[in-house]
PDB file of N, CA and C in Angstrom:
ATOM      1  N   MET A   1      68.224 113.962 107.883  1.00  0.00           N
ATOM      2  CA  MET A   1      69.136 112.865 107.622  1.00  0.00           C
ATOM      3  C   MET A   1      68.900 112.280 106.227  1.00  0.00           C
ATOM      4  N   ARG A   2      67.618 112.208 105.845  1.00  0.00           N
ATOM      5  CA  ARG A   2      67.302 111.695 104.511  1.00  0.00           C
ATOM      6  C   ARG A   2      67.884 112.595 103.431  1.00  0.00           C
ATOM      7  N   LEU A   3      67.859 113.893 103.682  1.00  0.00           N
ATOM      8  CA  LEU A   3      68.398 114.845 102.724  1.00  0.00           C
ATOM      9  C   LEU A   3      69.896 114.626 102.538  1.00  0.00           C
ATOM     10  N   VAL A   4      70.595 114.383 103.629  1.00  0.00           N
ATOM     11  CA  VAL A   4      72.038 114.127 103.558  1.00  0.00           C
ATOM     12  C   VAL A   4      72.310 112.881 102.721  1.00  0.00           C
ATOM     13  N   ALA A   5      71.538 111.823 102.954  1.00  0.00           N
ATOM     14  CA  ALA A   5      71.714 110.584 102.192  1.00  0.00           C
ATOM     15  C   ALA A   5      71.425 110.810 100.713  1.00  0.00           C
ATOM     16  N   LEU A   6      70.403 111.588 100.413  1.00  0.00           N
ATOM     17  CA  LEU A   6      70.057 111.879  99.035  1.00  0.00           C
ATOM     18  C   LEU A   6      71.166 112.675  98.352  1.00  0.00           C
ATOM     19  N   VAL A   7      71.652 113.691  99.030  1.00  0.00           N
ATOM     20  CA  VAL A   7      72.729 114.509  98.471  1.00  0.00           C
ATOM     21  C   VAL A   7      73.983 113.660  98.257  1.00  0.00           C
ATOM     22  N   ALA A   8      74.306 112.818  99.216  1.00  0.00           N
ATOM     23  CA  ALA A   8      75.480 111.942  99.086  1.00  0.00           C
ATOM     24  C   ALA A   8      75.323 111.004  97.897  1.00  0.00           C
ATOM     25  N   SER A   9      74.140 110.448  97.719  1.00  0.00           N
ATOM     26  CA  SER A   9      73.890 109.562  96.587  1.00  0.00           C
ATOM     27  C   SER A   9      74.055 110.292  95.264  1.00  0.00           C
ATOM     28  N   LEU A  10      73.551 111.515  95.198  1.00  0.00           N
ATOM     29  CA  LEU A  10      73.689 112.304  93.982  1.00  0.00           C
ATOM     30  C   LEU A  10      75.149 112.624  93.692  1.00  0.00           C
ATOM     31  N   LEU A  11      75.898 112.942  94.723  1.00  0.00           N
ATOM     32  CA  LEU A  11      77.328 113.224  94.547  1.00  0.00           C
ATOM     33  C   LEU A  11      78.064 111.996  94.042  1.00  0.00           C
ATOM     34  N   VAL A  12      77.731 110.843  94.591  1.00  0.00           N
ATOM     35  CA  VAL A  12      78.366 109.593  94.173  1.00  0.00           C
ATOM     36  C   VAL A  12      78.065 109.342  92.704  1.00  0.00           C
ATOM     37  N   ALA A  13      76.814 109.438  92.336  1.00  0.00           N
ATOM     38  CA  ALA A  13      76.419 109.187  90.956  1.00  0.00           C
ATOM     39  C   ALA A  13      77.062 110.188  90.006  1.00  0.00           C
ATOM     40  N   THR A  14      77.099 111.451  90.402  1.00  0.00           N
ATOM     41  CA  THR A  14      77.691 112.489  89.559  1.00  0.00           C
ATOM     42  C   THR A  14      79.179 112.255  89.359  1.00  0.00           C
ATOM     43  N   ALA A  15      79.885 111.919  90.425  1.00  0.00           N
ATOM     44  CA  ALA A  15      81.332 111.704  90.318  1.00  0.00           C
ATOM     45  C   ALA A  15      81.632 110.519  89.423  1.00  0.00           C
ATOM     46  N   ALA A  16      80.879 109.444  89.563  1.00  0.00           N
ATOM     47  CA  ALA A  16      81.127 108.248  88.768  1.00  0.00           C
ATOM     48  C   ALA A  16      80.809 108.495  87.300  1.00  0.00           C
ATOM     49  N   GLN A  17      79.770 109.286  87.024  1.00  0.00           N
ATOM     50  CA  GLN A  17      79.376 109.540  85.657  1.00  0.00           C
ATOM     51  C   GLN A  17      80.270 110.580  84.988  1.00  0.00           C
ATOM     52  N   ALA A  18      80.898 111.402  85.756  1.00  0.00           N
ATOM     53  CA  ALA A  18      81.691 112.492  85.205  1.00  0.00           C
ATOM     54  C   ALA A  18      82.959 112.000  84.517  1.00  0.00           C
ATOM     55  N   GLY A  19      83.384 110.797  84.802  1.00  0.00           N
ATOM     56  CA  GLY A  19      84.568 110.260  84.173  1.00  0.00           C
ATOM     57  C   GLY A  19      85.863 110.704  84.826  1.00  0.00           C
ATOM     58  N   SER A  20      85.773 111.388  85.937  1.00  0.00           N
ATOM     59  CA  SER A  20      86.976 111.795  86.655  1.00  0.00           C
ATOM     60  C   SER A  20      86.825 111.442  88.127  1.00  0.00           C
ATOM     61  N   PRO A  21      87.952 111.221  88.802  1.00  0.00           N
ATOM     62  CA  PRO A  21      87.874 110.853  90.217  1.00  0.00           C
ATOM     63  C   PRO A  21      87.238 111.956  91.052  1.00  0.00           C
ATOM     64  N   PRO A  22      86.643 111.588  92.155  1.00  0.00           N
ATOM     65  CA  PRO A  22      86.015 112.586  93.024  1.00  0.00           C
ATOM     66  C   PRO A  22      87.069 113.441  93.710  1.00  0.00           C
ATOM     67  N   LYS A  23      86.657 114.580  94.166  1.00  0.00           N
ATOM     68  CA  LYS A  23      87.522 115.464  94.958  1.00  0.00           C
ATOM     69  C   LYS A  23      87.191 115.231  96.423  1.00  0.00           C
ATOM     70  N   LEU A  24      88.168 114.794  97.178  1.00  0.00           N
ATOM     71  CA  LEU A  24      87.990 114.553  98.605  1.00  0.00           C
ATOM     72  C   LEU A  24      88.830 115.558  99.388  1.00  0.00           C
ATOM     73  N   ASP A  25      88.401 115.877 100.585  1.00  0.00           N
ATOM     74  CA  ASP A  25      89.115 116.829 101.436  1.00  0.00           C
ATOM     75  C   ASP A  25      90.162 116.066 102.258  1.00  0.00           C
ATOM     76  N   ILE A  26      91.371 116.013 101.728  1.00  0.00           N
ATOM     77  CA  ILE A  26      92.464 115.264 102.353  1.00  0.00           C
ATOM     78  C   ILE A  26      92.760 115.800 103.757  1.00  0.00           C
ATOM     79  N   ASN A  27      92.822 117.114 103.896  1.00  0.00           N
ATOM     80  CA  ASN A  27      93.156 117.696 105.202  1.00  0.00           C
ATOM     81  C   ASN A  27      92.121 117.326 106.255  1.00  0.00           C
ATOM     82  N   ALA A  28      90.834 117.388 105.889  1.00  0.00           N
ATOM     83  CA  ALA A  28      89.788 117.027 106.845  1.00  0.00           C
ATOM     84  C   ALA A  28      89.890 115.553 107.227  1.00  0.00           C
ATOM     85  N   THR A  29      90.163 114.707 106.251  1.00  0.00           N
ATOM     86  CA  THR A  29      90.308 113.270 106.512  1.00  0.00           C
ATOM     87  C   THR A  29      91.460 113.023 107.477  1.00  0.00           C
ATOM     88  N   CYS A  30      92.579 113.658 107.229  1.00  0.00           N
ATOM     89  CA  CYS A  30      93.761 113.440 108.070  1.00  0.00           C
ATOM     90  C   CYS A  30      93.616 114.083 109.446  1.00  0.00           C
ATOM     91  N   ARG A  31      92.909 115.198 109.528  1.00  0.00           N
ATOM     92  CA  ARG A  31      92.645 115.795 110.851  1.00  0.00           C
ATOM     93  C   ARG A  31      91.792 114.849 111.692  1.00  0.00           C
ATOM     94  N   ARG A  32      90.828 114.200 111.064  1.00  0.00           N
ATOM     95  CA  ARG A  32      89.970 113.262 111.803  1.00  0.00           C
ATOM     96  C   ARG A  32      90.750 112.029 112.236  1.00  0.00           C
ATOM     97  N   ALA A  33      91.776 111.663 111.488  1.00  0.00           N
ATOM     98  CA  ALA A  33      92.578 110.486 111.827  1.00  0.00           C
ATOM     99  C   ALA A  33      93.655 110.806 112.861  1.00  0.00           C
ATOM    100  N   GLN A  34      94.010 112.067 113.008  1.00  0.00           N
ATOM    101  CA  GLN A  34      95.102 112.468 113.893  1.00  0.00           C
ATOM    102  C   GLN A  34      94.910 112.039 115.344  1.00  0.00           C
ATOM    103  N   PRO A  35      93.719 112.142 115.931  1.00  0.00           N
ATOM    104  CA  PRO A  35      93.563 111.702 117.328  1.00  0.00           C
ATOM    105  C   PRO A  35      93.895 110.216 117.528  1.00  0.00           C
ATOM    106  N   LEU A  36      93.779 109.436 116.469  1.00  0.00           N
ATOM    107  CA  LEU A  36      94.097 108.016 116.570  1.00  0.00           C
ATOM    108  C   LEU A  36      95.602 107.789 116.724  1.00  0.00           C
ATOM    109  N   SER A  37      96.394 108.789 116.387  1.00  0.00           N
ATOM    110  CA  SER A  37      97.844 108.673 116.472  1.00  0.00           C
ATOM    111  C   SER A  37      98.411 109.417 117.676  1.00  0.00           C
ATOM    112  N   GLY A  38      97.563 109.810 118.594  1.00  0.00           N
ATOM    113  CA  GLY A  38      98.027 110.552 119.759  1.00  0.00           C
ATOM    114  C   GLY A  38      98.269 112.015 119.463  1.00  0.00           C
ATOM    115  N   GLY A  39      97.771 112.497 118.344  1.00  0.00           N
ATOM    116  CA  GLY A  39      97.898 113.911 118.010  1.00  0.00           C
ATOM    117  C   GLY A  39      99.243 114.303 117.426  1.00  0.00           C
ATOM    118  N   GLU A  40     100.042 113.345 117.020  1.00  0.00           N
ATOM    119  CA  GLU A  40     101.361 113.662 116.460  1.00  0.00           C
ATOM    120  C   GLU A  40     101.233 114.381 115.119  1.00  0.00           C
ATOM    121  N   LYS A  41     101.980 115.471 114.960  1.00  0.00           N
ATOM    122  CA  LYS A  41     101.951 116.201 113.696  1.00  0.00           C
ATOM    123  C   LYS A  41     102.570 115.380 112.576  1.00  0.00           C
ATOM    124  N   SER A  42     103.567 114.549 112.873  1.00  0.00           N
ATOM    125  CA  SER A  42     104.181 113.733 111.832  1.00  0.00           C
ATOM    126  C   SER A  42     103.184 112.710 111.291  1.00  0.00           C
ATOM    127  N   ALA A  43     102.262 112.255 112.124  1.00  0.00           N
ATOM    128  CA  ALA A  43     101.230 111.327 111.667  1.00  0.00           C
ATOM    129  C   ALA A  43     100.295 112.037 110.685  1.00  0.00           C
ATOM    130  N   PHE A  44      99.957 113.288 110.975  1.00  0.00           N
ATOM    131  CA  PHE A  44      99.120 114.071 110.070  1.00  0.00           C
ATOM    132  C   PHE A  44      99.828 114.255 108.733  1.00  0.00           C
ATOM    133  N   ARG A  45     101.090 114.621 108.780  1.00  0.00           N
ATOM    134  CA  ARG A  45     101.876 114.833 107.555  1.00  0.00           C
ATOM    135  C   ARG A  45     101.961 113.535 106.742  1.00  0.00           C
ATOM    136  N   GLY A  46     102.197 112.414 107.426  1.00  0.00           N
ATOM    137  CA  GLY A  46     102.260 111.119 106.751  1.00  0.00           C
ATOM    138  C   GLY A  46     100.935 110.756 106.102  1.00  0.00           C
ATOM    139  N   CYS A  47      99.856 111.057 106.792  1.00  0.00           N
ATOM    140  CA  CYS A  47      98.514 110.806 106.260  1.00  0.00           C
ATOM    141  C   CYS A  47      98.290 111.618 104.986  1.00  0.00           C
ATOM    142  N   VAL A  48      98.629 112.897 105.037  1.00  0.00           N
ATOM    143  CA  VAL A  48      98.453 113.763 103.870  1.00  0.00           C
ATOM    144  C   VAL A  48      99.288 113.241 102.699  1.00  0.00           C
ATOM    145  N   ASP A  49     100.524 112.848 102.966  1.00  0.00           N
ATOM    146  CA  ASP A  49     101.387 112.310 101.903  1.00  0.00           C
ATOM    147  C   ASP A  49     100.787 111.053 101.286  1.00  0.00           C
ATOM    148  N   ASP A  50     100.295 110.138 102.131  1.00  0.00           N
ATOM    149  CA  ASP A  50      99.672 108.901 101.642  1.00  0.00           C
ATOM    150  C   ASP A  50      98.438 109.200 100.805  1.00  0.00           C
ATOM    151  N   GLU A  51      97.633 110.136 101.262  1.00  0.00           N
ATOM    152  CA  GLU A  51      96.408 110.497 100.543  1.00  0.00           C
ATOM    153  C   GLU A  51      96.739 111.129  99.185  1.00  0.00           C
ATOM    154  N   ARG A  52      97.742 111.982  99.146  1.00  0.00           N
ATOM    155  CA  ARG A  52      98.127 112.613  97.872  1.00  0.00           C
ATOM    156  C   ARG A  52      98.649 111.586  96.880  1.00  0.00           C
ATOM    157  N   GLN A  53      99.430 110.645  97.379  1.00  0.00           N
ATOM    158  CA  GLN A  53      99.959 109.586  96.509  1.00  0.00           C
ATOM    159  C   GLN A  53      98.802 108.738  95.966  1.00  0.00           C
ATOM    160  N   ALA A  54      97.853 108.392  96.816  1.00  0.00           N
ATOM    161  CA  ALA A  54      96.688 107.614  96.385  1.00  0.00           C
ATOM    162  C   ALA A  54      95.838 108.413  95.399  1.00  0.00           C
ATOM    163  N   GLN A  55      95.732 109.728  95.612  1.00  0.00           N
ATOM    164  CA  GLN A  55      94.970 110.586  94.701  1.00  0.00           C
ATOM    165  C   GLN A  55      95.596 110.568  93.308  1.00  0.00           C
ATOM    166  N   LYS A  56      96.926 110.634  93.238  1.00  0.00           N
ATOM    167  CA  LYS A  56      97.618 110.590  91.942  1.00  0.00           C
ATOM    168  C   LYS A  56      97.406 109.242  91.259  1.00  0.00           C
ATOM    169  N   GLU A  57      97.499 108.169  92.032  1.00  0.00           N
ATOM    170  CA  GLU A  57      97.286 106.826  91.478  1.00  0.00           C
ATOM    171  C   GLU A  57      95.851 106.692  90.960  1.00  0.00           C
ATOM    172  N   LEU A  58      94.907 107.201  91.731  1.00  0.00           N
ATOM    173  CA  LEU A  58      93.504 107.126  91.341  1.00  0.00           C
ATOM    174  C   LEU A  58      93.259 107.901  90.051  1.00  0.00           C
ATOM    175  N   ALA A  59      93.891 109.056  89.901  1.00  0.00           N
ATOM    176  CA  ALA A  59      93.724 109.858  88.684  1.00  0.00           C
ATOM    177  C   ALA A  59      94.176 109.069  87.454  1.00  0.00           C
ATOM    178  N   LYS A  60      95.228 108.283  87.590  1.00  0.00           N
ATOM    179  CA  LYS A  60      95.732 107.477  86.472  1.00  0.00           C
ATOM    180  C   LYS A  60      94.821 106.289  86.176  1.00  0.00           C
ATOM    181  N   LEU A  61      94.279 105.667  87.230  1.00  0.00           N
ATOM    182  CA  LEU A  61      93.554 104.404  87.075  1.00  0.00           C
ATOM    183  C   LEU A  61      92.038 104.521  87.010  1.00  0.00           C
ATOM    184  N   TRP A  62      91.489 105.674  87.340  1.00  0.00           N
ATOM    185  CA  TRP A  62      90.039 105.835  87.506  1.00  0.00           C
ATOM    186  C   TRP A  62      89.241 105.238  86.344  1.00  0.00           C
ATOM    187  N   SER A  63      89.626 105.539  85.119  1.00  0.00           N
ATOM    188  CA  SER A  63      88.847 105.087  83.960  1.00  0.00           C
ATOM    189  C   SER A  63      88.940 103.581  83.739  1.00  0.00           C
ATOM    190  N   SER A  64      89.872 102.904  84.401  1.00  0.00           N
ATOM    191  CA  SER A  64      89.999 101.453  84.225  1.00  0.00           C
ATOM    192  C   SER A  64      89.030 100.665  85.106  1.00  0.00           C
ATOM    193  N   PHE A  65      88.343 101.354  86.003  1.00  0.00           N
ATOM    194  CA  PHE A  65      87.398 100.692  86.897  1.00  0.00           C
ATOM    195  C   PHE A  65      85.974 100.856  86.364  1.00  0.00           C
ATOM    196  N   LYS A  66      85.160  99.844  86.590  1.00  0.00           N
ATOM    197  CA  LYS A  66      83.761  99.901  86.178  1.00  0.00           C
ATOM    198  C   LYS A  66      83.042 101.021  86.926  1.00  0.00           C
ATOM    199  N   ALA A  67      82.076 101.634  86.235  1.00  0.00           N
ATOM    200  CA  ALA A  67      81.299 102.721  86.847  1.00  0.00           C
ATOM    201  C   ALA A  67      80.582 102.244  88.108  1.00  0.00           C
ATOM    202  N   SER A  68      80.096 101.004  88.094  1.00  0.00           N
ATOM    203  CA  SER A  68      79.399 100.484  89.276  1.00  0.00           C
ATOM    204  C   SER A  68      80.361 100.358  90.456  1.00  0.00           C
ATOM    205  N   ALA A  69      81.588  99.939  90.193  1.00  0.00           N
ATOM    206  CA  ALA A  69      82.586  99.835  91.266  1.00  0.00           C
ATOM    207  C   ALA A  69      82.959 101.224  91.768  1.00  0.00           C
ATOM    208  N   GLN A  70      83.111 102.184  90.858  1.00  0.00           N
ATOM    209  CA  GLN A  70      83.422 103.557  91.255  1.00  0.00           C
ATOM    210  C   GLN A  70      82.348 104.082  92.201  1.00  0.00           C
ATOM    211  N   SER A  71      81.107 103.905  91.812  1.00  0.00           N
ATOM    212  CA  SER A  71      79.991 104.405  92.608  1.00  0.00           C
ATOM    213  C   SER A  71      79.910 103.702  93.965  1.00  0.00           C
ATOM    214  N   ASN A  72      79.990 102.366  93.947  1.00  0.00           N
ATOM    215  CA  ASN A  72      79.903 101.602  95.193  1.00  0.00           C
ATOM    216  C   ASN A  72      81.049 101.932  96.148  1.00  0.00           C
ATOM    217  N   CYS A  73      82.261 101.962  95.622  1.00  0.00           N
ATOM    218  CA  CYS A  73      83.417 102.219  96.481  1.00  0.00           C
ATOM    219  C   CYS A  73      83.401 103.650  97.020  1.00  0.00           C
ATOM    220  N   LEU A  74      82.980 104.591  96.206  1.00  0.00           N
ATOM    221  CA  LEU A  74      82.895 105.969  96.685  1.00  0.00           C
ATOM    222  C   LEU A  74      81.869 106.075  97.803  1.00  0.00           C
ATOM    223  N   GLU A  75      80.757 105.393  97.645  1.00  0.00           N
ATOM    224  CA  GLU A  75      79.725 105.401  98.688  1.00  0.00           C
ATOM    225  C   GLU A  75      80.267 104.795  99.984  1.00  0.00           C
ATOM    226  N   VAL A  76      80.980 103.679  99.870  1.00  0.00           N
ATOM    227  CA  VAL A  76      81.533 103.008 101.048  1.00  0.00           C
ATOM    228  C   VAL A  76      82.578 103.872 101.734  1.00  0.00           C
ATOM    229  N   THR A  77      83.434 104.515 100.960  1.00  0.00           N
ATOM    230  CA  THR A  77      84.512 105.299 101.566  1.00  0.00           C
ATOM    231  C   THR A  77      83.996 106.568 102.245  1.00  0.00           C
ATOM    232  N   ARG A  78      82.797 106.985 101.908  1.00  0.00           N
ATOM    233  CA  ARG A  78      82.211 108.169 102.546  1.00  0.00           C
ATOM    234  C   ARG A  78      81.537 107.831 103.882  1.00  0.00           C
ATOM    235  N   ILE A  79      81.373 106.556 104.187  1.00  0.00           N
ATOM    236  CA  ILE A  79      80.754 106.163 105.461  1.00  0.00           C
ATOM    237  C   ILE A  79      81.637 106.665 106.600  1.00  0.00           C
ATOM    238  N   GLY A  80      81.052 107.300 107.558  1.00  0.00           N
ATOM    239  CA  GLY A  80      81.802 107.821 108.693  1.00  0.00           C
ATOM    240  C   GLY A  80      82.246 109.260 108.509  1.00  0.00           C
ATOM    241  N   GLY A  81      82.076 109.790 107.309  1.00  0.00           N
ATOM    242  CA  GLY A  81      82.336 111.200 107.090  1.00  0.00           C
ATOM    243  C   GLY A  81      83.776 111.607 106.855  1.00  0.00           C
ATOM    244  N   ALA A  82      84.696 110.661 106.725  1.00  0.00           N
ATOM    245  CA  ALA A  82      86.088 111.005 106.452  1.00  0.00           C
ATOM    246  C   ALA A  82      86.574 110.218 105.237  1.00  0.00           C
ATOM    247  N   PRO A  83      86.089 110.583 104.037  1.00  0.00           N
ATOM    248  CA  PRO A  83      86.454 109.823 102.843  1.00  0.00           C
ATOM    249  C   PRO A  83      87.961 109.894 102.574  1.00  0.00           C
ATOM    250  N   SER A  84      88.480 108.780 102.100  1.00  0.00           N
ATOM    251  CA  SER A  84      89.922 108.635 101.935  1.00  0.00           C
ATOM    252  C   SER A  84      90.251 108.104 100.547  1.00  0.00           C
ATOM    253  N   TYR A  85      91.224 108.731  99.887  1.00  0.00           N
ATOM    254  CA  TYR A  85      91.689 108.215  98.598  1.00  0.00           C
ATOM    255  C   TYR A  85      92.327 106.841  98.768  1.00  0.00           C
ATOM    256  N   VAL A  86      93.049 106.642  99.858  1.00  0.00           N
ATOM    257  CA  VAL A  86      93.687 105.343 100.104  1.00  0.00           C
ATOM    258  C   VAL A  86      92.619 104.257 100.178  1.00  0.00           C
ATOM    259  N   GLU A  87      91.560 104.527 100.928  1.00  0.00           N
ATOM    260  CA  GLU A  87      90.473 103.563 101.066  1.00  0.00           C
ATOM    261  C   GLU A  87      89.752 103.345  99.729  1.00  0.00           C
ATOM    262  N   LEU A  88      89.559 104.406  98.973  1.00  0.00           N
ATOM    263  CA  LEU A  88      88.875 104.309  97.686  1.00  0.00           C
ATOM    264  C   LEU A  88      89.685 103.474  96.698  1.00  0.00           C
ATOM    265  N   VAL A  89      90.979 103.724  96.606  1.00  0.00           N
ATOM    266  CA  VAL A  89      91.840 102.945  95.703  1.00  0.00           C
ATOM    267  C   VAL A  89      91.832 101.475  96.113  1.00  0.00           C
ATOM    268  N   THR A  90      91.932 101.221  97.407  1.00  0.00           N
ATOM    269  CA  THR A  90      91.935  99.841  97.902  1.00  0.00           C
ATOM    270  C   THR A  90      90.641  99.133  97.536  1.00  0.00           C
ATOM    271  N   CYS A  91      89.520  99.789  97.745  1.00  0.00           N
ATOM    272  CA  CYS A  91      88.221  99.216  97.414  1.00  0.00           C
ATOM    273  C   CYS A  91      88.134  98.888  95.922  1.00  0.00           C
ATOM    274  N   LEU A  92      88.546  99.817  95.083  1.00  0.00           N
ATOM    275  CA  LEU A  92      88.483  99.609  93.631  1.00  0.00           C
ATOM    276  C   LEU A  92      89.400  98.472  93.188  1.00  0.00           C
ATOM    277  N   GLN A  93      90.589  98.398  93.765  1.00  0.00           N
ATOM    278  CA  GLN A  93      91.512  97.321  93.412  1.00  0.00           C
ATOM    279  C   GLN A  93      90.969  95.966  93.852  1.00  0.00           C
ATOM    280  N   LEU A  94      90.377  95.915  95.031  1.00  0.00           N
ATOM    281  CA  LEU A  94      89.787  94.665  95.508  1.00  0.00           C
ATOM    282  C   LEU A  94      88.620  94.236  94.625  1.00  0.00           C
ATOM    283  N   ASP A  95      87.815  95.190  94.193  1.00  0.00           N
ATOM    284  CA  ASP A  95      86.710  94.869  93.296  1.00  0.00           C
ATOM    285  C   ASP A  95      87.238  94.292  91.987  1.00  0.00           C
ATOM    286  N   LYS A  96      88.267  94.917  91.437  1.00  0.00           N
ATOM    287  CA  LYS A  96      88.845  94.438  90.174  1.00  0.00           C
ATOM    288  C   LYS A  96      89.424  93.037  90.347  1.00  0.00           C
ATOM    289  N   GLN A  97      90.114  92.800  91.460  1.00  0.00           N
ATOM    290  CA  GLN A  97      90.676  91.470  91.717  1.00  0.00           C
ATOM    291  C   GLN A  97      89.579  90.427  91.885  1.00  0.00           C
ATOM    292  N   ALA A  98      88.481  90.803  92.531  1.00  0.00           N
ATOM    293  CA  ALA A  98      87.364  89.872  92.707  1.00  0.00           C
ATOM    294  C   ALA A  98      86.746  89.521  91.358  1.00  0.00           C
ATOM    295  N   GLN A  99      86.622  90.506  90.477  1.00  0.00           N
ATOM    296  CA  GLN A  99      86.085  90.240  89.138  1.00  0.00           C
ATOM    297  C   GLN A  99      87.006  89.307  88.354  1.00  0.00           C
ATOM    298  N   GLU A 100      88.317  89.533  88.447  1.00  0.00           N
ATOM    299  CA  GLU A 100      89.283  88.677  87.755  1.00  0.00           C
ATOM    300  C   GLU A 100      89.245  87.255  88.308  1.00  0.00           C
ATOM    301  N   ALA A 101      89.152  87.124  89.617  1.00  0.00           N
ATOM    302  CA  ALA A 101      89.084  85.802  90.241  1.00  0.00           C
ATOM    303  C   ALA A 101      87.806  85.086  89.822  1.00  0.00           C
ATOM    304  N   SER A 102      86.716  85.811  89.737  1.00  0.00           N
ATOM    305  CA  SER A 102      85.449  85.221  89.317  1.00  0.00           C
ATOM    306  C   SER A 102      85.547  84.698  87.890  1.00  0.00           C
ATOM    307  N   ARG A 103      86.164  85.480  87.008  1.00  0.00           N
ATOM    308  CA  ARG A 103      86.347  85.030  85.624  1.00  0.00           C
ATOM    309  C   ARG A 103      87.212  83.780  85.576  1.00  0.00           C
ATOM    310  N   GLU A 104      88.277  83.770  86.338  1.00  0.00           N
ATOM    311  CA  GLU A 104      89.167  82.604  86.368  1.00  0.00           C
ATOM    312  C   GLU A 104      88.433  81.366  86.884  1.00  0.00           C
ATOM    313  N   ASN A 105      87.610  81.548  87.904  1.00  0.00           N
ATOM    314  CA  ASN A 105      86.870  80.422  88.470  1.00  0.00           C
ATOM    315  C   ASN A 105      85.845  79.870  87.496  1.00  0.00           C
ATOM    316  N   LYS A 106      85.357  80.695  86.588  1.00  0.00           N
ATOM    317  CA  LYS A 106      84.349  80.249  85.622  1.00  0.00           C
ATOM    318  C   LYS A 106      84.957  79.536  84.423  1.00  0.00           C
ATOM    319  N   LYS A 107      86.244  79.722  84.219  1.00  0.00           N
ATOM    320  CA  LYS A 107      86.895  79.041  83.099  1.00  0.00           C
ATOM    321  C   LYS A 107      86.902  77.546  83.378  1.00  0.00           C
ATOM    322  N   SER A 108      86.561  76.764  82.369  1.00  0.00           N
ATOM    323  CA  SER A 108      86.606  75.314  82.561  1.00  0.00           C
ATOM    324  C   SER A 108      87.982  74.812  82.150  1.00  0.00           C
ATOM    325  N   LEU A 109      88.429  73.803  82.839  1.00  0.00           N
ATOM    326  CA  LEU A 109      89.710  73.186  82.501  1.00  0.00           C
ATOM    327  C   LEU A 109      89.446  72.083  81.482  1.00  0.00           C
ATOM    328  N   ASP A 110      90.036  72.196  80.345  1.00  0.00           N
ATOM    329  CA  ASP A 110      89.844  71.204  79.291  1.00  0.00           C
ATOM    330  C   ASP A 110      91.014  70.237  79.222  1.00  0.00           C
ATOM    331  N   LEU A 111      91.558  69.884  80.368  1.00  0.00           N
ATOM    332  CA  LEU A 111      92.658  68.932  80.424  1.00  0.00           C
ATOM    333  C   LEU A 111      92.107  67.519  80.574  1.00  0.00           C
ATOM    334  N   PRO A 112      92.750  66.513  79.956  1.00  0.00           N
ATOM    335  CA  PRO A 112      92.287  65.130  80.136  1.00  0.00           C
ATOM    336  C   PRO A 112      92.325  64.769  81.621  1.00  0.00           C
ATOM    337  N   GLY A 113      91.233  64.249  82.121  1.00  0.00           N
ATOM    338  CA  GLY A 113      91.162  63.868  83.529  1.00  0.00           C
ATOM    339  C   GLY A 113      90.918  65.038  84.445  1.00  0.00           C
ATOM    340  N   GLY A 114      90.774  66.251  83.868  1.00  0.00           N
ATOM    341  CA  GLY A 114      90.513  67.437  84.668  1.00  0.00           C
ATOM    342  C   GLY A 114      89.069  67.496  85.109  1.00  0.00           C
ATOM    343  N   PRO A 115      88.720  68.472  85.907  1.00  0.00           N
ATOM    344  CA  PRO A 115      87.364  68.597  86.449  1.00  0.00           C
ATOM    345  C   PRO A 115      86.271  68.613  85.382  1.00  0.00           C
ATOM    346  N   SER A 116      86.540  69.204  84.207  1.00  0.00           N
ATOM    347  CA  SER A 116      85.482  69.297  83.201  1.00  0.00           C
ATOM    348  C   SER A 116      85.186  67.946  82.572  1.00  0.00           C
ATOM    349  N   SER A 117      86.154  67.014  82.574  1.00  0.00           N
ATOM    350  CA  SER A 117      85.909  65.716  81.952  1.00  0.00           C
ATOM    351  C   SER A 117      85.119  64.783  82.855  1.00  0.00           C
ATOM    352  N   THR A 118      85.044  65.091  84.132  1.00  0.00           N
ATOM    353  CA  THR A 118      84.292  64.236  85.053  1.00  0.00           C
ATOM    354  C   THR A 118      83.029  64.898  85.546  1.00  0.00           C
ATOM    355  N   ARG A 119      82.787  66.112  85.112  1.00  0.00           N
ATOM    356  CA  ARG A 119      81.618  66.860  85.561  1.00  0.00           C
ATOM    357  C   ARG A 119      80.329  66.130  85.158  1.00  0.00           C
ATOM    358  N   GLY A 120      79.454  65.998  86.123  1.00  0.00           N
ATOM    359  CA  GLY A 120      78.156  65.418  85.840  1.00  0.00           C
ATOM    360  C   GLY A 120      78.133  63.910  85.809  1.00  0.00           C
ATOM    361  N   THR A 121      79.278  63.233  85.938  1.00  0.00           N
ATOM    362  CA  THR A 121      79.298  61.776  85.897  1.00  0.00           C
ATOM    363  C   THR A 121      79.260  61.160  87.262  1.00  0.00           C
ATOM    364  N   GLY A 122      79.543  61.962  88.269  1.00  0.00           N
ATOM    365  CA  GLY A 122      79.544  61.432  89.636  1.00  0.00           C
ATOM    366  C   GLY A 122      80.811  60.683  89.952  1.00  0.00           C
ATOM    367  N   SER A 123      81.746  60.610  89.028  1.00  0.00           N
ATOM    368  CA  SER A 123      83.011  59.900  89.310  1.00  0.00           C
ATOM    369  C   SER A 123      84.125  60.912  89.461  1.00  0.00           C
ATOM    370  N   THR A 124      85.207  60.468  90.052  1.00  0.00           N
ATOM    371  CA  THR A 124      86.374  61.315  90.199  1.00  0.00           C
ATOM    372  C   THR A 124      87.578  60.613  89.615  1.00  0.00           C
ATOM    373  N   ALA A 125      88.524  61.409  89.153  1.00  0.00           N
ATOM    374  CA  ALA A 125      89.747  60.834  88.595  1.00  0.00           C
ATOM    375  C   ALA A 125      90.689  60.449  89.720  1.00  0.00           C
ATOM    376  N   ASP A 126      91.340  59.325  89.583  1.00  0.00           N
ATOM    377  CA  ASP A 126      92.329  58.881  90.582  1.00  0.00           C
ATOM    378  C   ASP A 126      93.692  59.370  90.271  1.00  0.00           C
TER     379      ASP A 126
END
């Protein structure tokens, strides 16, 4: 089991450092998801279509994500053994949005009577 974890970690690091999105087995992912849909073939086809669309989007956006986010999200999406491009793109987008929100929250408001003008005084503006 330790060997599997080590190999997975190396794959994650290699994919993130390579500068290109990882290669995931879409068919295997969708076959594993098929029992959740009652075994419908149209569900499998829909899954494959969604995964291919996410793969194309990821190819365009991959370099816009931080290497740490690429590595972390790839590791998370591999949990359970059915890695998904849809899940990977979602994880990366959420990470980017969280970083943007954090930057926005750190900006101080320099408006008269705004939070920055009362900071540290213990008073509040009416």
